[in-house]
ModelCIF file with pLDDT and N, C-alpha, C, O atoms, coordinates in Angstrom:
data_MODEL
#
_entry.id   MODEL 
#
_entity.id                         1 
_entity.type                       polymer 
_entity.pdbx_number_of_molecules   1 
#
_entity_poly.entity_id                      1 
_entity_poly.type                           'polypeptide(L)' 
_entity_poly.nstd_linkage                   no 
_entity_poly.nstd_monomer                   no 
_entity_poly.pdbx_seq_one_letter_code       LTAALLKAGIVMTEAEWLGLTYAVGVGGSLLVIGSAAGI 
_entity_poly.pdbx_seq_one_letter_code_can   LTAALLKAGIVMTEAEWLGLTYAVGVGGSLLVIGSAAGI 
_entity_poly.pdbx_strand_id                 A 
#
loop_
_entity_poly_seq.entity_id 
_entity_poly_seq.num 
_entity_poly_seq.mon_id 
_entity_poly_seq.hetero 
1 1  LEU n 
1 2  THR n 
1 3  ALA n 
1 4  ALA n 
1 5  LEU n 
1 6  LEU n 
1 7  LYS n 
1 8  ALA n 
1 9  GLY n 
1 10 ILE n 
1 11 VAL n 
1 12 MET n 
1 13 THR n 
1 14 GLU n 
1 15 ALA n 
1 16 GLU n 
1 17 TRP n 
1 18 LEU n 
1 19 GLY n 
1 20 LEU n 
1 21 THR n 
1 22 TYR n 
1 23 ALA n 
1 24 VAL n 
1 25 GLY n 
1 26 VAL n 
1 27 GLY n 
1 28 GLY n 
1 29 SER n 
1 30 LEU n 
1 31 LEU n 
1 32 VAL n 
1 33 ILE n 
1 34 GLY n 
1 35 SER n 
1 36 ALA n 
1 37 ALA n 
1 38 GLY n 
1 39 ILE n 
#
_struct_asym.id          A 
_struct_asym.entity_id   1 
#
loop_
_ma_qa_metric.id 
_ma_qa_metric.mode 
_ma_qa_metric.name 
_ma_qa_metric.software_group_id 
_ma_qa_metric.type 
1 global pLDDT . pLDDT 
2 local  pLDDT . pLDDT 
#
_ma_qa_metric_global.metric_id      1 
_ma_qa_metric_global.metric_value   86.72 
_ma_qa_metric_global.model_id       1 
_ma_qa_metric_global.ordinal_id     1 
#
loop_
_ma_qa_metric_local.label_asym_id 
_ma_qa_metric_local.label_comp_id 
_ma_qa_metric_local.label_seq_id 
_ma_qa_metric_local.metric_id 
_ma_qa_metric_local.metric_value 
_ma_qa_metric_local.model_id 
_ma_qa_metric_local.ordinal_id 
A LEU 1  2 79.00 1 1  
A THR 2  2 84.00 1 2  
A ALA 3  2 81.00 1 3  
A ALA 4  2 80.00 1 4  
A LEU 5  2 87.00 1 5  
A LEU 6  2 87.00 1 6  
A LYS 7  2 80.00 1 7  
A ALA 8  2 80.00 1 8  
A GLY 9  2 80.00 1 9  
A ILE 10 2 87.00 1 10 
A VAL 11 2 88.00 1 11 
A MET 12 2 92.00 1 12 
A THR 13 2 91.00 1 13 
A GLU 14 2 91.00 1 14 
A ALA 15 2 91.00 1 15 
A GLU 16 2 93.00 1 16 
A TRP 17 2 94.00 1 17 
A LEU 18 2 94.00 1 18 
A GLY 19 2 94.00 1 19 
A LEU 20 2 94.00 1 20 
A THR 21 2 94.00 1 21 
A TYR 22 2 95.00 1 22 
A ALA 23 2 95.00 1 23 
A VAL 24 2 92.00 1 24 
A GLY 25 2 92.00 1 25 
A VAL 26 2 94.00 1 26 
A GLY 27 2 93.00 1 27 
A GLY 28 2 88.00 1 28 
A SER 29 2 92.00 1 29 
A LEU 30 2 93.00 1 30 
A LEU 31 2 86.00 1 31 
A VAL 32 2 81.00 1 32 
A ILE 33 2 73.00 1 33 
A GLY 34 2 74.00 1 34 
A SER 35 2 78.00 1 35 
A ALA 36 2 74.00 1 36 
A ALA 37 2 83.00 1 37 
A GLY 38 2 83.00 1 38 
A ILE 39 2 75.00 1 39 
#
loop_
_atom_site.group_PDB 
_atom_site.id 
_atom_site.type_symbol 
_atom_site.label_atom_id 
_atom_site.label_alt_id 
_atom_site.label_comp_id 
_atom_site.label_asym_id 
_atom_site.label_entity_id 
_atom_site.label_seq_id 
_atom_site.pdbx_PDB_ins_code 
_atom_site.Cartn_x 
_atom_site.Cartn_y 
_atom_site.Cartn_z 
_atom_site.occupancy 
_atom_site.B_iso_or_equiv 
_atom_site.pdbx_formal_charge 
_atom_site.auth_seq_id 
_atom_site.auth_comp_id 
_atom_site.auth_asym_id 
_atom_site.auth_atom_id 
_atom_site.pdbx_PDB_model_num 
ATOM 1   N N  . LEU A 1 1  ? 42.613 -38.808 -2.334  1.00 79.00 ? 1  LEU A N  1 
ATOM 2   C CA . LEU A 1 1  ? 44.059 -38.759 -2.670  1.00 79.00 ? 1  LEU A CA 1 
ATOM 3   C C  . LEU A 1 1  ? 44.603 -37.504 -2.403  1.00 79.00 ? 1  LEU A C  1 
ATOM 4   O O  . LEU A 1 1  ? 45.573 -37.311 -1.671  1.00 79.00 ? 1  LEU A O  1 
ATOM 5   N N  . THR A 1 2  ? 43.903 -36.562 -3.067  1.00 84.00 ? 2  THR A N  1 
ATOM 6   C CA . THR A 1 2  ? 44.395 -34.976 -3.198  1.00 84.00 ? 2  THR A CA 1 
ATOM 7   C C  . THR A 1 2  ? 44.478 -34.665 -1.729  1.00 84.00 ? 2  THR A C  1 
ATOM 8   O O  . THR A 1 2  ? 45.526 -34.256 -1.229  1.00 84.00 ? 2  THR A O  1 
ATOM 9   N N  . ALA A 1 3  ? 43.052 -34.914 -0.829  1.00 81.00 ? 3  ALA A N  1 
ATOM 10  C CA . ALA A 1 3  ? 43.005 -34.144 0.373   1.00 81.00 ? 3  ALA A CA 1 
ATOM 11  C C  . ALA A 1 3  ? 44.139 -34.976 1.522   1.00 81.00 ? 3  ALA A C  1 
ATOM 12  O O  . ALA A 1 3  ? 44.547 -34.567 2.609   1.00 81.00 ? 3  ALA A O  1 
ATOM 13  N N  . ALA A 1 4  ? 44.382 -36.026 0.940   1.00 80.00 ? 4  ALA A N  1 
ATOM 14  C CA . ALA A 1 4  ? 45.457 -36.700 1.928   1.00 80.00 ? 4  ALA A CA 1 
ATOM 15  C C  . ALA A 1 4  ? 46.703 -35.996 1.570   1.00 80.00 ? 4  ALA A C  1 
ATOM 16  O O  . ALA A 1 4  ? 47.332 -35.808 2.611   1.00 80.00 ? 4  ALA A O  1 
ATOM 17  N N  . LEU A 1 5  ? 47.269 -35.571 0.647   1.00 87.00 ? 5  LEU A N  1 
ATOM 18  C CA . LEU A 1 5  ? 48.591 -34.851 0.237   1.00 87.00 ? 5  LEU A CA 1 
ATOM 19  C C  . LEU A 1 5  ? 48.450 -33.700 0.633   1.00 87.00 ? 5  LEU A C  1 
ATOM 20  O O  . LEU A 1 5  ? 49.431 -33.172 1.157   1.00 87.00 ? 5  LEU A O  1 
ATOM 21  N N  . LEU A 1 6  ? 47.229 -32.960 0.520   1.00 87.00 ? 6  LEU A N  1 
ATOM 22  C CA . LEU A 1 6  ? 47.341 -31.409 1.131   1.00 87.00 ? 6  LEU A CA 1 
ATOM 23  C C  . LEU A 1 6  ? 47.481 -31.638 2.720   1.00 87.00 ? 6  LEU A C  1 
ATOM 24  O O  . LEU A 1 6  ? 48.091 -30.784 3.363   1.00 87.00 ? 6  LEU A O  1 
ATOM 25  N N  . LYS A 1 7  ? 46.875 -32.891 3.453   1.00 80.00 ? 7  LYS A N  1 
ATOM 26  C CA . LYS A 1 7  ? 47.205 -32.638 4.929   1.00 80.00 ? 7  LYS A CA 1 
ATOM 27  C C  . LYS A 1 7  ? 48.420 -33.159 5.065   1.00 80.00 ? 7  LYS A C  1 
ATOM 28  O O  . LYS A 1 7  ? 48.890 -33.078 6.200   1.00 80.00 ? 7  LYS A O  1 
ATOM 29  N N  . ALA A 1 8  ? 49.011 -33.624 4.321   1.00 80.00 ? 8  ALA A N  1 
ATOM 30  C CA . ALA A 1 8  ? 50.224 -34.584 4.690   1.00 80.00 ? 8  ALA A CA 1 
ATOM 31  C C  . ALA A 1 8  ? 51.339 -33.332 4.808   1.00 80.00 ? 8  ALA A C  1 
ATOM 32  O O  . ALA A 1 8  ? 52.290 -33.768 5.457   1.00 80.00 ? 8  ALA A O  1 
ATOM 33  N N  . GLY A 1 9  ? 51.518 -32.244 4.503   1.00 80.00 ? 9  GLY A N  1 
ATOM 34  C CA . GLY A 1 9  ? 52.288 -31.228 4.604   1.00 80.00 ? 9  GLY A CA 1 
ATOM 35  C C  . GLY A 1 9  ? 53.526 -31.347 3.482   1.00 80.00 ? 9  GLY A C  1 
ATOM 36  O O  . GLY A 1 9  ? 54.672 -31.027 3.799   1.00 80.00 ? 9  GLY A O  1 
ATOM 37  N N  . ILE A 1 10 ? 53.224 -31.793 2.258   1.00 87.00 ? 10 ILE A N  1 
ATOM 38  C CA . ILE A 1 10 ? 54.167 -31.834 1.665   1.00 87.00 ? 10 ILE A CA 1 
ATOM 39  C C  . ILE A 1 10 ? 54.547 -30.481 1.026   1.00 87.00 ? 10 ILE A C  1 
ATOM 40  O O  . ILE A 1 10 ? 53.678 -29.653 0.754   1.00 87.00 ? 10 ILE A O  1 
ATOM 41  N N  . VAL A 1 11 ? 56.050 -30.238 0.755   1.00 88.00 ? 11 VAL A N  1 
ATOM 42  C CA . VAL A 1 11 ? 56.868 -29.044 0.426   1.00 88.00 ? 11 VAL A CA 1 
ATOM 43  C C  . VAL A 1 11 ? 57.229 -29.199 -0.995  1.00 88.00 ? 11 VAL A C  1 
ATOM 44  O O  . VAL A 1 11 ? 58.083 -29.987 -1.400  1.00 88.00 ? 11 VAL A O  1 
ATOM 45  N N  . MET A 1 12 ? 56.395 -28.248 -1.872  1.00 92.00 ? 12 MET A N  1 
ATOM 46  C CA . MET A 1 12 ? 57.147 -28.308 -3.310  1.00 92.00 ? 12 MET A CA 1 
ATOM 47  C C  . MET A 1 12 ? 56.998 -26.908 -3.715  1.00 92.00 ? 12 MET A C  1 
ATOM 48  O O  . MET A 1 12 ? 56.450 -26.005 -3.082  1.00 92.00 ? 12 MET A O  1 
ATOM 49  N N  . THR A 1 13 ? 57.652 -26.853 -5.035  1.00 91.00 ? 13 THR A N  1 
ATOM 50  C CA . THR A 1 13 ? 57.335 -25.433 -5.564  1.00 91.00 ? 13 THR A CA 1 
ATOM 51  C C  . THR A 1 13 ? 56.173 -25.463 -6.193  1.00 91.00 ? 13 THR A C  1 
ATOM 52  O O  . THR A 1 13 ? 55.479 -26.470 -6.333  1.00 91.00 ? 13 THR A O  1 
ATOM 53  N N  . GLU A 1 14 ? 55.905 -24.274 -6.625  1.00 91.00 ? 14 GLU A N  1 
ATOM 54  C CA . GLU A 1 14 ? 54.499 -23.893 -7.582  1.00 91.00 ? 14 GLU A CA 1 
ATOM 55  C C  . GLU A 1 14 ? 54.263 -24.654 -8.567  1.00 91.00 ? 14 GLU A C  1 
ATOM 56  O O  . GLU A 1 14 ? 53.196 -25.231 -8.776  1.00 91.00 ? 14 GLU A O  1 
ATOM 57  N N  . ALA A 1 15 ? 55.542 -24.718 -9.433  1.00 91.00 ? 15 ALA A N  1 
ATOM 58  C CA . ALA A 1 15 ? 55.390 -25.555 -10.575 1.00 91.00 ? 15 ALA A CA 1 
ATOM 59  C C  . ALA A 1 15 ? 55.181 -27.095 -10.245 1.00 91.00 ? 15 ALA A C  1 
ATOM 60  O O  . ALA A 1 15 ? 54.540 -27.826 -11.000 1.00 91.00 ? 15 ALA A O  1 
ATOM 61  N N  . GLU A 1 16 ? 55.605 -27.417 -9.388  1.00 93.00 ? 16 GLU A N  1 
ATOM 62  C CA . GLU A 1 16 ? 55.485 -29.002 -8.868  1.00 93.00 ? 16 GLU A CA 1 
ATOM 63  C C  . GLU A 1 16 ? 53.930 -29.136 -8.555  1.00 93.00 ? 16 GLU A C  1 
ATOM 64  O O  . GLU A 1 16 ? 53.205 -30.056 -8.934  1.00 93.00 ? 16 GLU A O  1 
ATOM 65  N N  . TRP A 1 17 ? 53.566 -28.042 -7.793  1.00 94.00 ? 17 TRP A N  1 
ATOM 66  C CA . TRP A 1 17 ? 51.957 -28.256 -7.237  1.00 94.00 ? 17 TRP A CA 1 
ATOM 67  C C  . TRP A 1 17 ? 51.076 -28.121 -8.781  1.00 94.00 ? 17 TRP A C  1 
ATOM 68  O O  . TRP A 1 17 ? 49.974 -28.663 -8.708  1.00 94.00 ? 17 TRP A O  1 
ATOM 69  N N  . LEU A 1 18 ? 51.293 -27.679 -9.742  1.00 94.00 ? 18 LEU A N  1 
ATOM 70  C CA . LEU A 1 18 ? 50.518 -27.491 -10.854 1.00 94.00 ? 18 LEU A CA 1 
ATOM 71  C C  . LEU A 1 18 ? 50.658 -28.581 -11.497 1.00 94.00 ? 18 LEU A C  1 
ATOM 72  O O  . LEU A 1 18 ? 49.707 -28.877 -12.220 1.00 94.00 ? 18 LEU A O  1 
ATOM 73  N N  . GLY A 1 19 ? 51.745 -29.453 -11.471 1.00 94.00 ? 19 GLY A N  1 
ATOM 74  C CA . GLY A 1 19 ? 52.022 -30.733 -11.786 1.00 94.00 ? 19 GLY A CA 1 
ATOM 75  C C  . GLY A 1 19 ? 50.926 -31.479 -11.244 1.00 94.00 ? 19 GLY A C  1 
ATOM 76  O O  . GLY A 1 19 ? 50.010 -31.864 -11.971 1.00 94.00 ? 19 GLY A O  1 
ATOM 77  N N  . LEU A 1 20 ? 50.960 -31.710 -10.010 1.00 94.00 ? 20 LEU A N  1 
ATOM 78  C CA . LEU A 1 20 ? 49.847 -32.620 -9.211  1.00 94.00 ? 20 LEU A CA 1 
ATOM 79  C C  . LEU A 1 20 ? 48.677 -32.378 -9.550  1.00 94.00 ? 20 LEU A C  1 
ATOM 80  O O  . LEU A 1 20 ? 47.867 -33.285 -9.741  1.00 94.00 ? 20 LEU A O  1 
ATOM 81  N N  . THR A 1 21 ? 48.289 -30.684 -9.728  1.00 94.00 ? 21 THR A N  1 
ATOM 82  C CA . THR A 1 21 ? 46.969 -30.366 -10.185 1.00 94.00 ? 21 THR A CA 1 
ATOM 83  C C  . THR A 1 21 ? 46.410 -31.196 -11.545 1.00 94.00 ? 21 THR A C  1 
ATOM 84  O O  . THR A 1 21 ? 45.266 -31.635 -11.663 1.00 94.00 ? 21 THR A O  1 
ATOM 85  N N  . TYR A 1 22 ? 47.427 -31.300 -12.485 1.00 95.00 ? 22 TYR A N  1 
ATOM 86  C CA . TYR A 1 22 ? 47.143 -32.036 -13.573 1.00 95.00 ? 22 TYR A CA 1 
ATOM 87  C C  . TYR A 1 22 ? 47.176 -33.542 -13.499 1.00 95.00 ? 22 TYR A C  1 
ATOM 88  O O  . TYR A 1 22 ? 46.527 -34.204 -14.309 1.00 95.00 ? 22 TYR A O  1 
ATOM 89  N N  . ALA A 1 23 ? 47.845 -34.060 -12.639 1.00 95.00 ? 23 ALA A N  1 
ATOM 90  C CA . ALA A 1 23 ? 48.021 -35.474 -12.535 1.00 95.00 ? 23 ALA A CA 1 
ATOM 91  C C  . ALA A 1 23 ? 46.944 -36.140 -11.798 1.00 95.00 ? 23 ALA A C  1 
ATOM 92  O O  . ALA A 1 23 ? 46.536 -37.209 -12.250 1.00 95.00 ? 23 ALA A O  1 
ATOM 93  N N  . VAL A 1 24 ? 46.346 -35.592 -10.569 1.00 92.00 ? 24 VAL A N  1 
ATOM 94  C CA . VAL A 1 24 ? 45.079 -35.856 -10.080 1.00 92.00 ? 24 VAL A CA 1 
ATOM 95  C C  . VAL A 1 24 ? 43.806 -35.665 -10.702 1.00 92.00 ? 24 VAL A C  1 
ATOM 96  O O  . VAL A 1 24 ? 42.803 -36.342 -10.472 1.00 92.00 ? 24 VAL A O  1 
ATOM 97  N N  . GLY A 1 25 ? 43.923 -34.445 -11.721 1.00 92.00 ? 25 GLY A N  1 
ATOM 98  C CA . GLY A 1 25 ? 42.776 -34.185 -12.294 1.00 92.00 ? 25 GLY A CA 1 
ATOM 99  C C  . GLY A 1 25 ? 42.566 -35.053 -13.299 1.00 92.00 ? 25 GLY A C  1 
ATOM 100 O O  . GLY A 1 25 ? 41.398 -35.433 -13.374 1.00 92.00 ? 25 GLY A O  1 
ATOM 101 N N  . VAL A 1 26 ? 43.516 -35.615 -14.320 1.00 94.00 ? 26 VAL A N  1 
ATOM 102 C CA . VAL A 1 26 ? 43.582 -36.121 -15.715 1.00 94.00 ? 26 VAL A CA 1 
ATOM 103 C C  . VAL A 1 26 ? 43.714 -37.598 -15.236 1.00 94.00 ? 26 VAL A C  1 
ATOM 104 O O  . VAL A 1 26 ? 42.977 -38.375 -15.843 1.00 94.00 ? 26 VAL A O  1 
ATOM 105 N N  . GLY A 1 27 ? 44.448 -38.105 -14.337 1.00 93.00 ? 27 GLY A N  1 
ATOM 106 C CA . GLY A 1 27 ? 44.930 -39.274 -14.262 1.00 93.00 ? 27 GLY A CA 1 
ATOM 107 C C  . GLY A 1 27 ? 43.637 -40.358 -13.857 1.00 93.00 ? 27 GLY A C  1 
ATOM 108 O O  . GLY A 1 27 ? 43.621 -41.534 -14.218 1.00 93.00 ? 27 GLY A O  1 
ATOM 109 N N  . GLY A 1 28 ? 42.958 -39.942 -13.333 1.00 88.00 ? 28 GLY A N  1 
ATOM 110 C CA . GLY A 1 28 ? 41.510 -40.673 -12.751 1.00 88.00 ? 28 GLY A CA 1 
ATOM 111 C C  . GLY A 1 28 ? 40.867 -41.565 -14.277 1.00 88.00 ? 28 GLY A C  1 
ATOM 112 O O  . GLY A 1 28 ? 40.199 -42.599 -14.303 1.00 88.00 ? 28 GLY A O  1 
ATOM 113 N N  . SER A 1 29 ? 41.325 -40.779 -15.358 1.00 92.00 ? 29 SER A N  1 
ATOM 114 C CA . SER A 1 29 ? 40.613 -41.318 -16.753 1.00 92.00 ? 29 SER A CA 1 
ATOM 115 C C  . SER A 1 29 ? 41.242 -42.546 -17.258 1.00 92.00 ? 29 SER A C  1 
ATOM 116 O O  . SER A 1 29 ? 40.808 -43.226 -18.188 1.00 92.00 ? 29 SER A O  1 
ATOM 117 N N  . LEU A 1 30 ? 42.392 -42.791 -16.509 1.00 93.00 ? 30 LEU A N  1 
ATOM 118 C CA . LEU A 1 30 ? 42.970 -44.219 -16.930 1.00 93.00 ? 30 LEU A CA 1 
ATOM 119 C C  . LEU A 1 30 ? 42.285 -45.474 -16.775 1.00 93.00 ? 30 LEU A C  1 
ATOM 120 O O  . LEU A 1 30 ? 42.320 -46.434 -17.544 1.00 93.00 ? 30 LEU A O  1 
ATOM 121 N N  . LEU A 1 31 ? 41.615 -45.348 -15.616 1.00 86.00 ? 31 LEU A N  1 
ATOM 122 C CA . LEU A 1 31 ? 40.670 -46.596 -15.656 1.00 86.00 ? 31 LEU A CA 1 
ATOM 123 C C  . LEU A 1 31 ? 38.899 -45.899 -15.631 1.00 86.00 ? 31 LEU A C  1 
ATOM 124 O O  . LEU A 1 31 ? 38.644 -44.798 -15.144 1.00 86.00 ? 31 LEU A O  1 
ATOM 125 N N  . VAL A 1 32 ? 38.272 -46.450 -16.008 1.00 81.00 ? 32 VAL A N  1 
ATOM 126 C CA . VAL A 1 32 ? 36.670 -46.162 -15.960 1.00 81.00 ? 32 VAL A CA 1 
ATOM 127 C C  . VAL A 1 32 ? 36.259 -45.881 -14.644 1.00 81.00 ? 32 VAL A C  1 
ATOM 128 O O  . VAL A 1 32 ? 35.548 -44.887 -14.490 1.00 81.00 ? 32 VAL A O  1 
ATOM 129 N N  . ILE A 1 33 ? 36.592 -46.621 -13.574 1.00 73.00 ? 33 ILE A N  1 
ATOM 130 C CA . ILE A 1 33 ? 36.276 -46.440 -12.079 1.00 73.00 ? 33 ILE A CA 1 
ATOM 131 C C  . ILE A 1 33 ? 36.956 -45.364 -11.490 1.00 73.00 ? 33 ILE A C  1 
ATOM 132 O O  . ILE A 1 33 ? 36.744 -45.160 -10.295 1.00 73.00 ? 33 ILE A O  1 
ATOM 133 N N  . GLY A 1 34 ? 37.861 -44.516 -12.200 1.00 74.00 ? 34 GLY A N  1 
ATOM 134 C CA . GLY A 1 34 ? 38.856 -43.716 -11.606 1.00 74.00 ? 34 GLY A CA 1 
ATOM 135 C C  . GLY A 1 34 ? 38.198 -42.439 -11.389 1.00 74.00 ? 34 GLY A C  1 
ATOM 136 O O  . GLY A 1 34 ? 38.700 -41.777 -10.481 1.00 74.00 ? 34 GLY A O  1 
ATOM 137 N N  . SER A 1 35 ? 37.197 -41.919 -11.994 1.00 78.00 ? 35 SER A N  1 
ATOM 138 C CA . SER A 1 35 ? 36.425 -40.848 -11.727 1.00 78.00 ? 35 SER A CA 1 
ATOM 139 C C  . SER A 1 35 ? 35.225 -40.555 -11.791 1.00 78.00 ? 35 SER A C  1 
ATOM 140 O O  . SER A 1 35 ? 34.537 -41.438 -12.304 1.00 78.00 ? 35 SER A O  1 
ATOM 141 N N  . ALA A 1 36 ? 34.664 -39.599 -11.449 1.00 74.00 ? 36 ALA A N  1 
ATOM 142 C CA . ALA A 1 36 ? 33.381 -39.366 -11.453 1.00 74.00 ? 36 ALA A CA 1 
ATOM 143 C C  . ALA A 1 36 ? 32.571 -39.144 -12.846 1.00 74.00 ? 36 ALA A C  1 
ATOM 144 O O  . ALA A 1 36 ? 31.345 -39.097 -12.936 1.00 74.00 ? 36 ALA A O  1 
ATOM 145 N N  . ALA A 1 37 ? 33.509 -39.015 -13.924 1.00 83.00 ? 37 ALA A N  1 
ATOM 146 C CA . ALA A 1 37 ? 33.044 -38.903 -15.206 1.00 83.00 ? 37 ALA A CA 1 
ATOM 147 C C  . ALA A 1 37 ? 32.784 -40.333 -15.539 1.00 83.00 ? 37 ALA A C  1 
ATOM 148 O O  . ALA A 1 37 ? 31.756 -40.697 -16.111 1.00 83.00 ? 37 ALA A O  1 
ATOM 149 N N  . GLY A 1 38 ? 33.575 -40.996 -15.231 1.00 83.00 ? 38 GLY A N  1 
ATOM 150 C CA . GLY A 1 38 ? 33.860 -42.193 -15.944 1.00 83.00 ? 38 GLY A CA 1 
ATOM 151 C C  . GLY A 1 38 ? 32.739 -42.953 -15.170 1.00 83.00 ? 38 GLY A C  1 
ATOM 152 O O  . GLY A 1 38 ? 32.097 -43.710 -15.898 1.00 83.00 ? 38 GLY A O  1 
ATOM 153 N N  . ILE A 1 39 ? 32.389 -42.928 -13.981 1.00 75.00 ? 39 ILE A N  1 
ATOM 154 C CA . ILE A 1 39 ? 31.114 -43.736 -13.237 1.00 75.00 ? 39 ILE A CA 1 
ATOM 155 C C  . ILE A 1 39 ? 30.076 -43.057 -14.187 1.00 75.00 ? 39 ILE A C  1 
ATOM 156 O O  . ILE A 1 39 ? 28.877 -43.312 -14.074 1.00 75.00 ? 39 ILE A O  1 
#
């Protein structure tokens, strides 16, 4: 998902990129299959 977003050429501010960093890093915790830690 992160690789796809980076390849898609999305333009955001650094603050918004930091928000995305938190989102994709922590969001996988919502389901047990959503992250390597959960698996």
